[in-house]
Amino acid sequence: MRLASAFLLLAVSSTSTMAQSFEGNWECLRGPDAAGILTIYGPSYGFASKSFEDPASGVGSVTGYADGVQFNDGNLRAQLAIEAGRLVEIEGETVLQLETATEILMICSGHRP
């Protein structure tokens, strides 16, 4: 019985870790230019563009999923139409690709929890 409880606890804790892997600080690129820094913690995000007075900078809310996040509101959603951030692996590195309904707009890497 104790062994089964231990396995259940391990399974639950590893699931929550996987679901939270999008949290932290990400350096985002848009084309050849540096776009900015994206920070996601809990149900909130902040984006700081490297371009002066960029209207995409600001804060908003997200809903987390096992494979990324949904952007619910805020400047990334309103200004750039970003709907989702999907965790993908590119050349052995986990990145967060920010997507509109029709295209991948930014790639964010350098994840630091």
Protein backbone atom coordinates (compact mmCIF):
# COMPACT_ATOMS: atom_id res chain seq x y z
CA MET A 1 0.00 0.00 0.00
CA ARG A 2 2.82 2.41 0.87
CA LEU A 3 4.58 1.61 -2.38
CA ALA A 4 1.44 2.36 -4.39
CA SER A 5 1.01 5.67 -2.54
CA ALA A 6 4.62 6.61 -3.28
CA PHE A 7 4.18 5.91 -7.00
CA LEU A 8 0.97 7.93 -7.07
CA LEU A 9 2.68 10.88 -5.36
CA LEU A 10 5.59 10.67 -7.81
CA ALA A 11 3.22 10.59 -10.79
CA VAL A 12 1.24 13.60 -9.57
CA SER A 13 4.36 15.64 -8.79
CA SER A 14 5.98 14.90 -12.17
CA THR A 15 2.77 15.86 -13.99
CA SER A 16 2.61 19.24 -12.26
CA THR A 17 6.30 19.84 -13.05
CA MET A 18 5.68 19.15 -16.73
CA ALA A 19 2.65 21.42 -16.74
CA GLN A 20 4.68 24.25 -15.23
CA SER A 21 7.68 24.01 -17.55
CA PHE A 22 6.57 27.10 -19.49
CA GLU A 23 7.05 29.30 -16.41
CA GLY A 24 10.09 31.55 -16.17
CA ASN A 25 11.94 34.06 -18.31
CA TRP A 26 12.27 33.66 -22.07
CA GLU A 27 14.26 35.67 -24.61
CA CYS A 28 12.07 36.07 -27.69
CA LEU A 29 13.17 36.65 -31.29
CA ARG A 30 11.03 37.85 -34.17
CA GLY A 31 12.78 37.39 -37.46
CA PRO A 32 16.41 38.55 -37.36
CA ASP A 33 15.68 41.16 -34.68
CA ALA A 34 15.59 40.71 -30.93
CA ALA A 35 11.98 41.13 -29.86
CA GLY A 36 12.12 41.14 -26.06
CA ILE A 37 11.82 39.26 -22.80
CA LEU A 38 8.73 37.24 -21.88
CA THR A 39 8.15 36.30 -18.24
CA ILE A 40 5.41 33.84 -17.27
CA TYR A 41 4.52 32.98 -13.68
CA GLY A 42 1.26 31.35 -12.66
CA PRO A 43 -1.66 32.87 -14.54
CA SER A 44 0.23 36.06 -15.52
CA TYR A 45 2.76 37.18 -18.09
CA GLY A 46 4.79 40.27 -18.82
CA PHE A 47 6.46 41.17 -22.11
CA ALA A 48 9.18 43.80 -22.38
CA SER A 49 10.03 44.64 -25.96
CA LYS A 50 13.54 45.72 -26.88
CA SER A 51 12.01 48.34 -29.20
CA PHE A 52 11.28 51.70 -27.58
CA GLU A 53 7.55 52.36 -27.05
CA ASP A 54 6.50 49.07 -28.64
CA PRO A 55 2.75 48.66 -27.98
CA ALA A 56 3.24 44.89 -27.54
CA SER A 57 4.99 45.51 -24.20
CA GLY A 58 2.80 44.98 -21.18
CA VAL A 59 1.11 42.38 -19.03
CA GLY A 60 -1.75 39.95 -19.33
CA SER A 61 -3.10 36.59 -18.27
CA VAL A 62 -2.46 33.07 -19.52
CA THR A 63 -3.97 29.64 -19.07
CA GLY A 64 -1.36 26.91 -18.71
CA TYR A 65 -1.49 23.53 -20.42
CA ALA A 66 0.94 20.59 -20.50
CA ASP A 67 2.36 21.74 -23.85
CA GLY A 68 2.32 25.50 -23.35
CA VAL A 69 -0.01 28.41 -22.64
CA GLN A 70 -3.00 30.22 -24.06
CA PHE A 71 -2.77 34.03 -24.02
CA ASN A 72 -6.12 35.27 -22.72
CA ASP A 73 -5.61 39.03 -22.94
CA GLY A 74 -2.95 41.72 -22.65
CA ASN A 75 -0.80 43.47 -25.20
CA LEU A 76 0.64 40.40 -26.94
CA ARG A 77 -2.91 39.28 -27.68
CA ALA A 78 -4.29 42.73 -28.56
CA GLN A 79 -1.33 44.12 -30.52
CA LEU A 80 0.17 41.02 -32.19
CA ALA A 81 -2.82 38.59 -32.12
CA ILE A 82 -0.74 35.98 -30.27
CA GLU A 83 -3.07 33.24 -29.11
CA ALA A 84 -0.75 30.51 -27.84
CA GLY A 85 2.76 29.68 -26.72
CA ARG A 86 3.59 26.08 -27.56
CA LEU A 87 6.56 24.21 -26.05
CA VAL A 88 8.53 22.50 -28.82
CA GLU A 89 12.00 21.04 -29.14
CA ILE A 90 14.33 22.52 -31.73
CA GLU A 91 17.83 21.07 -32.06
CA GLY A 92 17.71 19.58 -28.56
CA GLU A 93 16.52 22.80 -26.89
CA THR A 94 13.02 23.38 -25.56
CA VAL A 95 11.63 26.65 -26.89
CA LEU A 96 8.31 28.44 -26.62
CA GLN A 97 6.92 29.36 -30.02
CA LEU A 98 4.39 32.18 -29.94
CA GLU A 99 1.62 31.65 -32.48
CA THR A 100 -1.23 33.60 -34.02
CA ALA A 101 -4.12 31.74 -35.63
CA THR A 102 -2.16 31.53 -38.89
CA GLU A 103 1.58 31.69 -38.18
CA ILE A 104 4.48 31.34 -35.76
CA LEU A 105 5.36 34.91 -34.84
CA MET A 106 8.20 34.55 -32.32
CA ILE A 107 10.54 31.91 -30.95
CA CYS A 108 11.47 32.25 -27.28
CA SER A 109 14.46 30.43 -25.80
CA GLY A 110 16.89 30.60 -22.92
CA HIS A 111 14.27 29.48 -20.42
CA ARG A 112 15.23 30.38 -16.87
CA PRO A 113 12.77 29.39 -14.14
